[in-house]
Amino acid sequence: LLLLYTLNTRTIRGETELRALLNIPCFGSLPMIHFKRRTQNTNKEINMLYDRNCEDYTEAMRLVRTRLERQMDDKKVLMVTSSIPGEGKSTVAANLAISMAQKGKKVVLVDCDLRNPSQGKIFNLPGGYPGLLSILRGESKLEDSLVEVTHNDEPLGLTILAGGDNQSRSVEILGGEEMSRVLEELKTRADA
């Protein structure tokens, strides 16, 4: 039974297998980070600014950033997505933004996950900031929603626009004219 299960599993186990199956470029692979079971910290998000035990992850993220920058040329918008929840898209987006900001670029990270916004949790942002959903509905201004990230009391060059409340079930709002306007405004505030 184990042999049959293994033969039918469609898990991709490396860059070579990915290229052979999908014929798309691979920008790198990130190592899995294991958390100690006895830790009191219930936040299992990886943040390169605060986690000291993820040197391999940090180096892999820098490699991914470098390869992406070569491919992007002068493009300013990058979307990180996946097909199912829990695959790490929010963690990858956050750490990619950190890596780009650490290189000296001005970066704006927008949490477009309206059903499960998590960038606020990853960066330990205080509550009370209106999010993307509030802007798209016209309830708040963009300037009031942007949060500047600092590290060791120094500005990092990273600004976050949180997703907002997780009560929304309408993702159609992301395809509207207001979202296009917000993206155009954010492009003027960022290098990457």
Protein backbone atom coordinates (compact mmCIF):
# COMPACT_ATOMS: atom_id res chain seq x y z
CA LEU A 1 0.00 0.00 0.00
CA LEU A 2 2.81 2.40 0.82
CA LEU A 3 4.40 1.79 -2.59
CA LEU A 4 1.10 2.48 -4.38
CA TYR A 5 0.59 5.63 -2.33
CA THR A 6 4.10 6.84 -3.15
CA LEU A 7 3.65 6.19 -6.86
CA ASN A 8 0.35 8.09 -6.95
CA THR A 9 1.53 11.09 -4.96
CA ARG A 10 2.01 14.18 -7.09
CA THR A 11 4.37 15.96 -4.74
CA ILE A 12 7.23 17.80 -6.37
CA ARG A 13 10.42 17.11 -4.45
CA GLY A 14 12.95 19.39 -6.08
CA GLU A 15 13.79 21.98 -8.72
CA THR A 16 14.68 19.35 -11.34
CA GLU A 17 11.32 17.62 -10.92
CA LEU A 18 9.53 20.98 -11.14
CA ARG A 19 11.24 21.87 -14.41
CA ALA A 20 10.53 18.43 -15.89
CA LEU A 21 6.84 18.45 -14.92
CA LEU A 22 5.84 22.05 -15.56
CA ASN A 23 8.53 23.46 -17.84
CA ILE A 24 8.61 26.76 -15.93
CA PRO A 25 11.54 28.56 -14.32
CA CYS A 26 12.25 27.94 -10.66
CA PHE A 27 13.59 30.91 -8.71
CA GLY A 28 14.72 28.77 -5.78
CA SER A 29 13.48 26.57 -3.00
CA LEU A 30 13.02 27.55 0.62
CA PRO A 31 13.92 25.20 3.45
CA MET A 32 11.26 24.04 5.85
CA ILE A 33 11.58 25.63 9.28
CA HIS A 34 10.64 23.45 12.24
CA PHE A 35 9.47 25.06 15.45
CA LYS A 36 10.14 23.52 18.84
CA ARG A 37 7.02 21.99 20.32
CA ARG A 38 7.69 23.37 23.79
CA THR A 39 7.88 26.99 22.72
CA GLN A 40 5.39 29.39 24.31
CA ASN A 41 5.15 31.41 21.11
CA THR A 42 1.96 30.48 19.27
CA ASN A 43 2.87 32.61 16.24
CA LYS A 44 4.40 30.21 13.73
CA GLU A 45 5.08 32.82 11.07
CA ILE A 46 8.65 33.20 9.83
CA ASN A 47 9.87 36.80 9.79
CA MET A 48 13.49 37.40 8.79
CA LEU A 49 13.63 40.56 10.91
CA TYR A 50 12.97 38.80 14.19
CA ASP A 51 13.78 35.09 13.78
CA ARG A 52 17.40 34.36 14.55
CA ASN A 53 17.29 30.64 13.78
CA CYS A 54 16.55 30.81 10.08
CA GLU A 55 19.90 31.65 8.44
CA ASP A 56 19.32 29.04 5.71
CA TYR A 57 15.89 30.48 5.01
CA THR A 58 17.28 34.03 4.87
CA GLU A 59 20.01 33.02 2.41
CA ALA A 60 17.53 31.09 0.24
CA MET A 61 15.20 34.12 0.23
CA ARG A 62 18.07 36.37 -0.90
CA LEU A 63 18.74 33.98 -3.78
CA VAL A 64 15.07 34.03 -4.78
CA ARG A 65 15.07 37.85 -4.57
CA THR A 66 18.16 38.12 -6.79
CA ARG A 67 16.72 35.76 -9.42
CA LEU A 68 13.37 37.59 -9.37
CA GLU A 69 15.04 40.98 -9.78
CA ARG A 70 16.81 39.74 -12.91
CA GLN A 71 13.50 38.59 -14.39
CA MET A 72 11.45 41.65 -13.42
CA ASP A 73 13.58 44.24 -15.25
CA ASP A 74 11.67 47.52 -14.74
CA LYS A 75 8.36 45.99 -13.60
CA LYS A 76 7.14 47.19 -10.22
CA VAL A 77 4.33 44.81 -9.28
CA LEU A 78 4.86 41.24 -8.13
CA MET A 79 2.08 38.92 -6.99
CA VAL A 80 2.69 35.91 -4.73
CA THR A 81 -0.10 33.34 -4.80
CA SER A 82 -0.83 29.64 -4.49
CA SER A 83 -3.66 27.27 -5.21
CA ILE A 84 -4.55 26.27 -1.65
CA PRO A 85 -4.35 27.88 1.80
CA GLY A 86 -1.40 27.18 4.07
CA GLU A 87 1.30 26.85 1.42
CA GLY A 88 3.23 29.89 2.67
CA LYS A 89 2.35 32.64 0.23
CA SER A 90 2.00 35.27 2.98
CA THR A 91 5.29 34.24 4.59
CA VAL A 92 7.11 34.28 1.25
CA ALA A 93 5.62 37.67 0.29
CA ALA A 94 6.56 39.20 3.66
CA ASN A 95 10.13 37.90 3.63
CA LEU A 96 10.64 38.78 -0.02
CA ALA A 97 9.53 42.34 0.78
CA ILE A 98 11.92 42.43 3.76
CA SER A 99 14.77 41.16 1.61
CA MET A 100 14.14 43.79 -1.06
CA ALA A 101 13.89 46.55 1.56
CA GLN A 102 17.14 45.41 3.20
CA LYS A 103 18.81 45.84 -0.18
CA GLY A 104 17.83 49.52 -0.10
CA LYS A 105 14.64 49.57 -2.14
CA LYS A 106 11.41 51.26 -1.15
CA VAL A 107 8.82 48.46 -0.99
CA VAL A 108 5.06 48.46 -0.44
CA LEU A 109 3.57 45.13 0.64
CA VAL A 110 -0.18 44.85 0.06
CA ASP A 111 -2.12 42.06 1.77
CA CYS A 112 -4.80 41.19 -0.79
CA ASP A 113 -5.98 38.11 1.09
CA LEU A 114 -9.41 39.38 2.12
CA ARG A 115 -10.53 36.08 3.64
CA ASN A 116 -7.50 35.48 5.84
CA PRO A 117 -5.31 38.59 6.04
CA SER A 118 -2.05 37.77 7.83
CA GLN A 119 0.58 40.43 7.11
CA GLY A 120 -0.46 42.35 10.22
CA LYS A 121 0.19 39.24 12.30
CA ILE A 122 3.52 38.48 10.64
CA PHE A 123 4.80 42.00 11.36
CA ASN A 124 3.10 42.32 14.77
CA LEU A 125 1.28 45.46 13.67
CA PRO A 126 -0.92 47.15 16.21
CA GLY A 127 -4.63 47.08 15.42
CA GLY A 128 -6.60 50.10 14.44
CA TYR A 129 -5.25 50.63 10.94
CA PRO A 130 -7.84 50.50 8.18
CA GLY A 131 -6.93 47.95 5.57
CA LEU A 132 -7.20 47.46 1.84
CA LEU A 133 -10.85 46.53 2.02
CA SER A 134 -11.67 49.78 3.81
CA ILE A 135 -9.90 51.77 1.07
CA LEU A 136 -11.63 49.90 -1.75
CA ARG A 137 -15.02 50.53 -0.15
CA GLY A 138 -14.21 54.25 0.18
CA GLU A 139 -14.35 54.19 3.99
CA SER A 140 -10.78 55.44 4.53
CA LYS A 141 -7.89 57.11 2.75
CA LEU A 142 -4.76 55.35 1.54
CA GLU A 143 -2.47 57.61 3.60
CA ASP A 144 -4.23 56.58 6.82
CA SER A 145 -3.84 52.87 6.06
CA LEU A 146 -0.13 52.59 5.27
CA VAL A 147 2.13 51.37 8.09
CA GLU A 148 5.89 52.01 7.98
CA VAL A 149 7.98 49.07 9.24
CA THR A 150 10.96 49.85 11.44
CA HIS A 151 13.74 47.59 12.66
CA ASN A 152 15.87 48.59 15.66
CA ASP A 153 14.06 51.96 15.61
CA GLU A 154 15.29 52.64 12.06
CA PRO A 155 12.96 52.85 9.03
CA LEU A 156 13.42 49.79 6.86
CA GLY A 157 12.00 51.19 3.61
CA LEU A 158 9.06 48.80 3.82
CA THR A 159 5.46 49.97 4.00
CA ILE A 160 2.55 47.63 4.62
CA LEU A 161 -1.08 47.92 3.59
CA ALA A 162 -2.90 45.32 5.68
CA GLY A 163 -5.84 43.34 4.33
CA GLY A 164 -8.41 44.58 6.80
CA ASP A 165 -11.17 42.58 8.42
CA ASN A 166 -11.57 38.94 7.53
CA GLN A 167 -15.35 39.14 7.30
CA SER A 168 -15.42 39.84 3.57
CA ARG A 169 -16.46 37.08 1.22
CA SER A 170 -16.45 39.30 -1.85
CA VAL A 171 -13.14 39.07 -3.69
CA GLU A 172 -14.64 40.66 -6.82
CA ILE A 173 -13.74 44.02 -5.33
CA LEU A 174 -10.07 43.27 -6.12
CA GLY A 175 -10.82 43.39 -9.85
CA GLY A 176 -12.50 46.79 -9.80
CA GLU A 177 -11.39 50.21 -10.93
CA GLU A 178 -10.66 51.34 -7.37
CA MET A 179 -8.06 48.56 -6.96
CA SER A 180 -6.37 49.69 -10.18
CA ARG A 181 -6.27 53.25 -8.85
CA VAL A 182 -4.79 52.10 -5.53
CA LEU A 183 -2.10 50.07 -7.31
CA GLU A 184 -1.17 53.02 -9.53
CA GLU A 185 -0.85 55.25 -6.45
CA LEU A 186 1.28 52.66 -4.64
CA LYS A 187 3.60 52.31 -7.65
CA THR A 188 4.61 55.93 -7.16
CA ARG A 189 5.58 55.21 -3.54
CA ALA A 190 7.84 52.22 -4.21
CA ASP A 191 10.90 51.07 -6.11
CA ALA A 192 9.82 47.44 -6.14
